[in-house]
Amino acid sequence: MQKLTATLGLIMALGLAGCGGDQKAPEEPEGPMENAGEEVDEAAEETGEAAEEAVDETDEAVEDAADKTEDAADDMQEETDDGDAE
């Protein structure tokens, strides 16, 4: 009976020891495919940011051109109106 108790005690002690401590698995080193995937993700993000910036710059240029066109049309209208009065 003492052997059985000792054996069960040993099994329980080993089981509890296995449950304790740091449960994190060691990190595996990144492989070449994971590195390549990260590089593709970074490139896609940079491309998206560059595209957004280009769209913003184009939008500003179009707005500036529209303002200049409107100003020129107003100037032409004023010249035409001034010419009719004389």
PDB file of N, CA and C in Angstrom:
ATOM      1  N   MET A   1       0.813  -1.173   0.000  1.00  0.00           N
ATOM      2  CA  MET A   1       0.000   0.000   0.000  1.00  0.00           C
ATOM      3  C   MET A   1       0.872   1.257   0.000  1.00  0.00           C
ATOM      4  N   GLN A   2       1.996   1.202   0.681  1.00  0.00           N
ATOM      5  CA  GLN A   2       2.884   2.348   0.716  1.00  0.00           C
ATOM      6  C   GLN A   2       3.485   2.611  -0.664  1.00  0.00           C
ATOM      7  N   LYS A   3       3.757   1.548  -1.426  1.00  0.00           N
ATOM      8  CA  LYS A   3       4.295   1.726  -2.769  1.00  0.00           C
ATOM      9  C   LYS A   3       3.269   2.430  -3.649  1.00  0.00           C
ATOM     10  N   LEU A   4       2.020   2.028  -3.492  1.00  0.00           N
ATOM     11  CA  LEU A   4       0.957   2.642  -4.292  1.00  0.00           C
ATOM     12  C   LEU A   4       0.811   4.123  -3.937  1.00  0.00           C
ATOM     13  N   THR A   5       0.840   4.436  -2.662  1.00  0.00           N
ATOM     14  CA  THR A   5       0.722   5.826  -2.214  1.00  0.00           C
ATOM     15  C   THR A   5       1.921   6.636  -2.687  1.00  0.00           C
ATOM     16  N   ALA A   6       3.096   6.071  -2.598  1.00  0.00           N
ATOM     17  CA  ALA A   6       4.312   6.760  -3.027  1.00  0.00           C
ATOM     18  C   ALA A   6       4.278   6.984  -4.530  1.00  0.00           C
ATOM     19  N   THR A   7       3.830   5.964  -5.265  1.00  0.00           N
ATOM     20  CA  THR A   7       3.755   6.079  -6.724  1.00  0.00           C
ATOM     21  C   THR A   7       2.746   7.142  -7.130  1.00  0.00           C
ATOM     22  N   LEU A   8       1.560   7.119  -6.500  1.00  0.00           N
ATOM     23  CA  LEU A   8       0.547   8.130  -6.811  1.00  0.00           C
ATOM     24  C   LEU A   8       1.036   9.533  -6.433  1.00  0.00           C
ATOM     25  N   GLY A   9       1.722   9.635  -5.308  1.00  0.00           N
ATOM     26  CA  GLY A   9       2.277  10.924  -4.889  1.00  0.00           C
ATOM     27  C   GLY A   9       3.296  11.436  -5.878  1.00  0.00           C
ATOM     28  N   LEU A  10       4.144  10.544  -6.389  1.00  0.00           N
ATOM     29  CA  LEU A  10       5.156  10.916  -7.368  1.00  0.00           C
ATOM     30  C   LEU A  10       4.504  11.363  -8.670  1.00  0.00           C
ATOM     31  N   ILE A  11       3.487  10.621  -9.092  1.00  0.00           N
ATOM     32  CA  ILE A  11       2.771  10.972 -10.332  1.00  0.00           C
ATOM     33  C   ILE A  11       2.108  12.342 -10.185  1.00  0.00           C
ATOM     34  N   MET A  12       1.481  12.577  -9.038  1.00  0.00           N
ATOM     35  CA  MET A  12       0.826  13.864  -8.813  1.00  0.00           C
ATOM     36  C   MET A  12       1.851  15.001  -8.765  1.00  0.00           C
ATOM     37  N   ALA A  13       2.987  14.765  -8.129  1.00  0.00           N
ATOM     38  CA  ALA A  13       4.022  15.790  -8.039  1.00  0.00           C
ATOM     39  C   ALA A  13       4.563  16.134  -9.419  1.00  0.00           C
ATOM     40  N   LEU A  14       4.806  15.104 -10.226  1.00  0.00           N
ATOM     41  CA  LEU A  14       5.302  15.353 -11.584  1.00  0.00           C
ATOM     42  C   LEU A  14       4.242  16.063 -12.434  1.00  0.00           C
ATOM     43  N   GLY A  15       2.990  15.688 -12.255  1.00  0.00           N
ATOM     44  CA  GLY A  15       1.898  16.334 -12.991  1.00  0.00           C
ATOM     45  C   GLY A  15       1.768  17.801 -12.629  1.00  0.00           C
ATOM     46  N   LEU A  16       1.855  18.107 -11.341  1.00  0.00           N
ATOM     47  CA  LEU A  16       1.777  19.500 -10.914  1.00  0.00           C
ATOM     48  C   LEU A  16       2.995  20.295 -11.368  1.00  0.00           C
ATOM     49  N   ALA A  17       4.147  19.668 -11.354  1.00  0.00           N
ATOM     50  CA  ALA A  17       5.355  20.355 -11.806  1.00  0.00           C
ATOM     51  C   ALA A  17       5.254  20.679 -13.296  1.00  0.00           C
ATOM     52  N   GLY A  18       4.635  19.796 -14.045  1.00  0.00           N
ATOM     53  CA  GLY A  18       4.448  20.037 -15.478  1.00  0.00           C
ATOM     54  C   GLY A  18       3.473  21.156 -15.755  1.00  0.00           C
ATOM     55  N   CYS A  19       2.551  21.394 -14.834  1.00  0.00           N
ATOM     56  CA  CYS A  19       1.556  22.454 -15.028  1.00  0.00           C
ATOM     57  C   CYS A  19       2.083  23.832 -14.645  1.00  0.00           C
ATOM     58  N   GLY A  20       3.066  23.893 -13.827  1.00  0.00           N
ATOM     59  CA  GLY A  20       3.565  25.181 -13.350  1.00  0.00           C
ATOM     60  C   GLY A  20       4.566  25.790 -14.295  1.00  0.00           C
ATOM     61  N   GLY A  21       5.005  26.992 -13.958  1.00  0.00           N
ATOM     62  CA  GLY A  21       6.053  27.646 -14.732  1.00  0.00           C
ATOM     63  C   GLY A  21       5.520  28.410 -15.921  1.00  0.00           C
ATOM     64  N   ASP A  22       6.419  28.800 -16.787  1.00  0.00           N
ATOM     65  CA  ASP A  22       6.101  29.601 -17.960  1.00  0.00           C
ATOM     66  C   ASP A  22       5.436  28.727 -19.008  1.00  0.00           C
ATOM     67  N   GLN A  23       4.249  29.095 -19.381  1.00  0.00           N
ATOM     68  CA  GLN A  23       3.490  28.300 -20.351  1.00  0.00           C
ATOM     69  C   GLN A  23       3.755  28.721 -21.792  1.00  0.00           C
ATOM     70  N   LYS A  24       4.526  29.784 -21.993  1.00  0.00           N
ATOM     71  CA  LYS A  24       4.788  30.253 -23.348  1.00  0.00           C
ATOM     72  C   LYS A  24       5.693  29.268 -24.075  1.00  0.00           C
ATOM     73  N   ALA A  25       5.324  29.013 -25.312  1.00  0.00           N
ATOM     74  CA  ALA A  25       6.191  28.207 -26.157  1.00  0.00           C
ATOM     75  C   ALA A  25       7.288  29.120 -26.685  1.00  0.00           C
ATOM     76  N   PRO A  26       8.467  28.619 -26.848  1.00  0.00           N
ATOM     77  CA  PRO A  26       9.530  29.474 -27.373  1.00  0.00           C
ATOM     78  C   PRO A  26       9.166  29.950 -28.778  1.00  0.00           C
ATOM     79  N   GLU A  27       9.491  31.213 -29.058  1.00  0.00           N
ATOM     80  CA  GLU A  27       9.174  31.757 -30.373  1.00  0.00           C
ATOM     81  C   GLU A  27      10.047  31.091 -31.423  1.00  0.00           C
ATOM     82  N   GLU A  28       9.384  30.744 -32.504  1.00  0.00           N
ATOM     83  CA  GLU A  28      10.124  30.141 -33.604  1.00  0.00           C
ATOM     84  C   GLU A  28      10.709  31.264 -34.452  1.00  0.00           C
ATOM     85  N   PRO A  29      11.889  31.056 -34.968  1.00  0.00           N
ATOM     86  CA  PRO A  29      12.457  32.096 -35.831  1.00  0.00           C
ATOM     87  C   PRO A  29      11.627  32.236 -37.102  1.00  0.00           C
ATOM     88  N   GLU A  30      11.587  33.466 -37.620  1.00  0.00           N
ATOM     89  CA  GLU A  30      10.825  33.707 -38.836  1.00  0.00           C
ATOM     90  C   GLU A  30      11.530  33.055 -40.021  1.00  0.00           C
ATOM     91  N   GLY A  31      10.738  32.459 -40.869  1.00  0.00           N
ATOM     92  CA  GLY A  31      11.291  31.847 -42.060  1.00  0.00           C
ATOM     93  C   GLY A  31      11.337  32.835 -43.214  1.00  0.00           C
ATOM     94  N   PRO A  32      11.933  32.435 -44.311  1.00  0.00           N
ATOM     95  CA  PRO A  32      12.056  33.346 -45.461  1.00  0.00           C
ATOM     96  C   PRO A  32      10.708  33.744 -46.049  1.00  0.00           C
ATOM     97  N   MET A  33       9.734  32.859 -46.025  1.00  0.00           N
ATOM     98  CA  MET A  33       8.411  33.192 -46.576  1.00  0.00           C
ATOM     99  C   MET A  33       7.714  34.229 -45.696  1.00  0.00           C
ATOM    100  N   GLU A  34       7.869  34.103 -44.387  1.00  0.00           N
ATOM    101  CA  GLU A  34       7.254  35.081 -43.479  1.00  0.00           C
ATOM    102  C   GLU A  34       7.926  36.448 -43.655  1.00  0.00           C
ATOM    103  N   ASN A  35       9.240  36.456 -43.797  1.00  0.00           N
ATOM    104  CA  ASN A  35       9.955  37.716 -44.048  1.00  0.00           C
ATOM    105  C   ASN A  35       9.508  38.345 -45.361  1.00  0.00           C
ATOM    106  N   ALA A  36       9.367  37.534 -46.389  1.00  0.00           N
ATOM    107  CA  ALA A  36       8.928  38.046 -47.690  1.00  0.00           C
ATOM    108  C   ALA A  36       7.506  38.597 -47.581  1.00  0.00           C
ATOM    109  N   GLY A  37       6.652  37.908 -46.856  1.00  0.00           N
ATOM    110  CA  GLY A  37       5.282  38.384 -46.676  1.00  0.00           C
ATOM    111  C   GLY A  37       5.232  39.718 -45.966  1.00  0.00           C
ATOM    112  N   GLU A  38       6.072  39.881 -44.958  1.00  0.00           N
ATOM    113  CA  GLU A  38       6.127  41.154 -44.234  1.00  0.00           C
ATOM    114  C   GLU A  38       6.616  42.273 -45.151  1.00  0.00           C
ATOM    115  N   GLU A  39       7.596  41.975 -46.003  1.00  0.00           N
ATOM    116  CA  GLU A  39       8.100  42.978 -46.933  1.00  0.00           C
ATOM    117  C   GLU A  39       7.021  43.378 -47.940  1.00  0.00           C
ATOM    118  N   VAL A  40       6.249  42.397 -48.399  1.00  0.00           N
ATOM    119  CA  VAL A  40       5.154  42.698 -49.327  1.00  0.00           C
ATOM    120  C   VAL A  40       4.112  43.565 -48.634  1.00  0.00           C
ATOM    121  N   ASP A  41       3.784  43.250 -47.389  1.00  0.00           N
ATOM    122  CA  ASP A  41       2.824  44.059 -46.631  1.00  0.00           C
ATOM    123  C   ASP A  41       3.309  45.500 -46.483  1.00  0.00           C
ATOM    124  N   GLU A  42       4.570  45.667 -46.148  1.00  0.00           N
ATOM    125  CA  GLU A  42       5.136  47.012 -45.990  1.00  0.00           C
ATOM    126  C   GLU A  42       5.112  47.773 -47.313  1.00  0.00           C
ATOM    127  N   ALA A  43       5.469  47.095 -48.399  1.00  0.00           N
ATOM    128  CA  ALA A  43       5.468  47.745 -49.710  1.00  0.00           C
ATOM    129  C   ALA A  43       4.057  48.158 -50.102  1.00  0.00           C
ATOM    130  N   ALA A  44       3.084  47.305 -49.837  1.00  0.00           N
ATOM    131  CA  ALA A  44       1.696  47.630 -50.168  1.00  0.00           C
ATOM    132  C   ALA A  44       1.214  48.828 -49.354  1.00  0.00           C
ATOM    133  N   GLU A  45       1.583  48.866 -48.087  1.00  0.00           N
ATOM    134  CA  GLU A  45       1.188  49.993 -47.235  1.00  0.00           C
ATOM    135  C   GLU A  45       1.819  51.290 -47.740  1.00  0.00           C
ATOM    136  N   GLU A  46       3.104  51.247 -48.083  1.00  0.00           N
ATOM    137  CA  GLU A  46       3.785  52.441 -48.587  1.00  0.00           C
ATOM    138  C   GLU A  46       3.178  52.890 -49.913  1.00  0.00           C
ATOM    139  N   THR A  47       2.822  51.940 -50.777  1.00  0.00           N
ATOM    140  CA  THR A  47       2.210  52.279 -52.057  1.00  0.00           C
ATOM    141  C   THR A  47       0.855  52.927 -51.838  1.00  0.00           C
ATOM    142  N   GLY A  48       0.081  52.391 -50.909  1.00  0.00           N
ATOM    143  CA  GLY A  48      -1.225  52.976 -50.606  1.00  0.00           C
ATOM    144  C   GLY A  48      -1.102  54.389 -50.072  1.00  0.00           C
ATOM    145  N   GLU A  49      -0.131  54.614 -49.206  1.00  0.00           N
ATOM    146  CA  GLU A  49       0.085  55.955 -48.661  1.00  0.00           C
ATOM    147  C   GLU A  49       0.516  56.920 -49.763  1.00  0.00           C
ATOM    148  N   ALA A  50       1.387  56.468 -50.662  1.00  0.00           N
ATOM    149  CA  ALA A  50       1.841  57.318 -51.766  1.00  0.00           C
ATOM    150  C   ALA A  50       0.680  57.642 -52.702  1.00  0.00           C
ATOM    151  N   ALA A  51      -0.188  56.664 -52.937  1.00  0.00           N
ATOM    152  CA  ALA A  51      -1.348  56.892 -53.805  1.00  0.00           C
ATOM    153  C   ALA A  51      -2.293  57.911 -53.174  1.00  0.00           C
ATOM    154  N   GLU A  52      -2.529  57.794 -51.880  1.00  0.00           N
ATOM    155  CA  GLU A  52      -3.390  58.761 -51.190  1.00  0.00           C
ATOM    156  C   GLU A  52      -2.803  60.168 -51.279  1.00  0.00           C
ATOM    157  N   GLU A  53      -1.505  60.280 -51.100  1.00  0.00           N
ATOM    158  CA  GLU A  53      -0.848  61.586 -51.186  1.00  0.00           C
ATOM    159  C   GLU A  53      -0.980  62.156 -52.598  1.00  0.00           C
ATOM    160  N   ALA A  54      -0.804  61.311 -53.608  1.00  0.00           N
ATOM    161  CA  ALA A  54      -0.927  61.771 -54.991  1.00  0.00           C
ATOM    162  C   ALA A  54      -2.346  62.238 -55.284  1.00  0.00           C
ATOM    163  N   VAL A  55      -3.334  61.527 -54.762  1.00  0.00           N
ATOM    164  CA  VAL A  55      -4.726  61.922 -54.965  1.00  0.00           C
ATOM    165  C   VAL A  55      -4.980  63.277 -54.308  1.00  0.00           C
ATOM    166  N   ASP A  56      -4.472  63.462 -53.107  1.00  0.00           N
ATOM    167  CA  ASP A  56      -4.646  64.737 -52.415  1.00  0.00           C
ATOM    168  C   ASP A  56      -4.004  65.885 -53.200  1.00  0.00           C
ATOM    169  N   GLU A  57      -2.796  65.658 -53.703  1.00  0.00           N
ATOM    170  CA  GLU A  57      -2.109  66.694 -54.464  1.00  0.00           C
ATOM    171  C   GLU A  57      -2.849  67.004 -55.766  1.00  0.00           C
ATOM    172  N   THR A  58      -3.361  65.974 -56.424  1.00  0.00           N
ATOM    173  CA  THR A  58      -4.116  66.167 -57.660  1.00  0.00           C
ATOM    174  C   THR A  58      -5.395  66.942 -57.381  1.00  0.00           C
ATOM    175  N   ASP A  59      -6.061  66.608 -56.280  1.00  0.00           N
ATOM    176  CA  ASP A  59      -7.293  67.297 -55.905  1.00  0.00           C
ATOM    177  C   ASP A  59      -7.021  68.783 -55.683  1.00  0.00           C
ATOM    178  N   GLU A  60      -5.933  69.097 -55.003  1.00  0.00           N
ATOM    179  CA  GLU A  60      -5.575  70.496 -54.759  1.00  0.00           C
ATOM    180  C   GLU A  60      -5.269  71.211 -56.074  1.00  0.00           C
ATOM    181  N   ALA A  61      -4.555  70.542 -56.979  1.00  0.00           N
ATOM    182  CA  ALA A  61      -4.216  71.156 -58.263  1.00  0.00           C
ATOM    183  C   ALA A  61      -5.480  71.425 -59.082  1.00  0.00           C
ATOM    184  N   VAL A  62      -6.423  70.492 -59.065  1.00  0.00           N
ATOM    185  CA  VAL A  62      -7.674  70.678 -59.806  1.00  0.00           C
ATOM    186  C   VAL A  62      -8.467  71.839 -59.209  1.00  0.00           C
ATOM    187  N   GLU A  63      -8.516  71.922 -57.887  1.00  0.00           N
ATOM    188  CA  GLU A  63      -9.230  73.024 -57.241  1.00  0.00           C
ATOM    189  C   GLU A  63      -8.576  74.367 -57.587  1.00  0.00           C
ATOM    190  N   ASP A  64      -7.246  74.420 -57.586  1.00  0.00           N
ATOM    191  CA  ASP A  64      -6.541  75.653 -57.951  1.00  0.00           C
ATOM    192  C   ASP A  64      -6.844  76.046 -59.394  1.00  0.00           C
ATOM    193  N   ALA A  65      -6.819  75.070 -60.292  1.00  0.00           N
ATOM    194  CA  ALA A  65      -7.114  75.353 -61.695  1.00  0.00           C
ATOM    195  C   ALA A  65      -8.555  75.833 -61.861  1.00  0.00           C
ATOM    196  N   ALA A  66      -9.485  75.239 -61.138  1.00  0.00           N
ATOM    197  CA  ALA A  66     -10.886  75.662 -61.216  1.00  0.00           C
ATOM    198  C   ALA A  66     -11.034  77.089 -60.705  1.00  0.00           C
ATOM    199  N   ASP A  67     -10.331  77.419 -59.611  1.00  0.00           N
ATOM    200  CA  ASP A  67     -10.390  78.782 -59.078  1.00  0.00           C
ATOM    201  C   ASP A  67      -9.826  79.784 -60.089  1.00  0.00           C
ATOM    202  N   LYS A  68      -8.709  79.454 -60.725  1.00  0.00           N
ATOM    203  CA  LYS A  68      -8.112  80.355 -61.707  1.00  0.00           C
ATOM    204  C   LYS A  68      -9.025  80.523 -62.920  1.00  0.00           C
ATOM    205  N   THR A  69      -9.654  79.429 -63.336  1.00  0.00           N
ATOM    206  CA  THR A  69     -10.577  79.504 -64.466  1.00  0.00           C
ATOM    207  C   THR A  69     -11.769  80.388 -64.127  1.00  0.00           C
ATOM    208  N   GLU A  70     -12.275  80.224 -62.912  1.00  0.00           N
ATOM    209  CA  GLU A  70     -13.410  81.043 -62.480  1.00  0.00           C
ATOM    210  C   GLU A  70     -13.002  82.518 -62.396  1.00  0.00           C
ATOM    211  N   ASP A  71     -11.819  82.784 -61.880  1.00  0.00           N
ATOM    212  CA  ASP A  71     -11.335  84.159 -61.802  1.00  0.00           C
ATOM    213  C   ASP A  71     -11.185  84.755 -63.200  1.00  0.00           C
ATOM    214  N   ALA A  72     -10.644  83.989 -64.120  1.00  0.00           N
ATOM    215  CA  ALA A  72     -10.466  84.474 -65.486  1.00  0.00           C
ATOM    216  C   ALA A  72     -11.825  84.746 -66.127  1.00  0.00           C
ATOM    217  N   ALA A  73     -12.800  83.869 -65.886  1.00  0.00           N
ATOM    218  CA  ALA A  73     -14.143  84.077 -66.433  1.00  0.00           C
ATOM    219  C   ALA A  73     -14.778  85.335 -65.850  1.00  0.00           C
ATOM    220  N   ASP A  74     -14.562  85.553 -64.557  1.00  0.00           N
ATOM    221  CA  ASP A  74     -15.082  86.767 -63.920  1.00  0.00           C
ATOM    222  C   ASP A  74     -14.441  88.013 -64.519  1.00  0.00           C
ATOM    223  N   ASP A  75     -13.122  87.951 -64.742  1.00  0.00           N
ATOM    224  CA  ASP A  75     -12.418  89.084 -65.343  1.00  0.00           C
ATOM    225  C   ASP A  75     -12.946  89.362 -66.747  1.00  0.00           C
ATOM    226  N   MET A  76     -13.162  88.322 -67.509  1.00  0.00           N
ATOM    227  CA  MET A  76     -13.695  88.482 -68.875  1.00  0.00           C
ATOM    228  C   MET A  76     -15.090  89.092 -68.831  1.00  0.00           C
ATOM    229  N   GLN A  77     -15.897  88.649 -67.876  1.00  0.00           N
ATOM    230  CA  GLN A  77     -17.256  89.171 -67.742  1.00  0.00           C
ATOM    231  C   GLN A  77     -17.218  90.654 -67.386  1.00  0.00           C
ATOM    232  N   GLU A  78     -16.310  91.022 -66.474  1.00  0.00           N
ATOM    233  CA  GLU A  78     -16.173  92.419 -66.094  1.00  0.00           C
ATOM    234  C   GLU A  78     -15.744  93.285 -67.286  1.00  0.00           C
ATOM    235  N   GLU A  79     -14.788  92.780 -68.066  1.00  0.00           N
ATOM    236  CA  GLU A  79     -14.319  93.518 -69.244  1.00  0.00           C
ATOM    237  C   GLU A  79     -15.452  93.681 -70.240  1.00  0.00           C
ATOM    238  N   THR A  80     -16.237  92.623 -70.400  1.00  0.00           N
ATOM    239  CA  THR A  80     -17.359  92.681 -71.345  1.00  0.00           C
ATOM    240  C   THR A  80     -18.412  93.664 -70.853  1.00  0.00           C
ATOM    241  N   ASP A  81     -18.701  93.621 -69.558  1.00  0.00           N
ATOM    242  CA  ASP A  81     -19.682  94.523 -68.987  1.00  0.00           C
ATOM    243  C   ASP A  81     -19.203  95.963 -69.082  1.00  0.00           C
ATOM    244  N   ASP A  82     -17.916  96.226 -68.859  1.00  0.00           N
ATOM    245  CA  ASP A  82     -17.367  97.570 -68.941  1.00  0.00           C
ATOM    246  C   ASP A  82     -17.412  98.075 -70.389  1.00  0.00           C
ATOM    247  N   GLY A  83     -17.208  97.203 -71.354  1.00  0.00           N
ATOM    248  CA  GLY A  83     -17.231  97.578 -72.754  1.00  0.00           C
ATOM    249  C   GLY A  83     -18.631  97.937 -73.232  1.00  0.00           C
ATOM    250  N   ASP A  84     -19.660  97.305 -72.669  1.00  0.00           N
ATOM    251  CA  ASP A  84     -21.042  97.571 -73.066  1.00  0.00           C
ATOM    252  C   ASP A  84     -21.489  98.926 -72.540  1.00  0.00           C
ATOM    253  N   ALA A  85     -20.961  99.365 -71.450  1.00  0.00           N
ATOM    254  CA  ALA A  85     -21.408 100.606 -70.831  1.00  0.00           C
ATOM    255  C   ALA A  85     -20.939 101.800 -71.608  1.00  0.00           C
ATOM    256  N   GLU A  86     -19.872 101.704 -72.360  1.00  0.00           N
ATOM    257  CA  GLU A  86     -19.321 102.856 -73.082  1.00  0.00           C
ATOM    258  C   GLU A  86     -19.978 103.069 -74.365  1.00  0.00           C
TER     259      GLU A  86
END
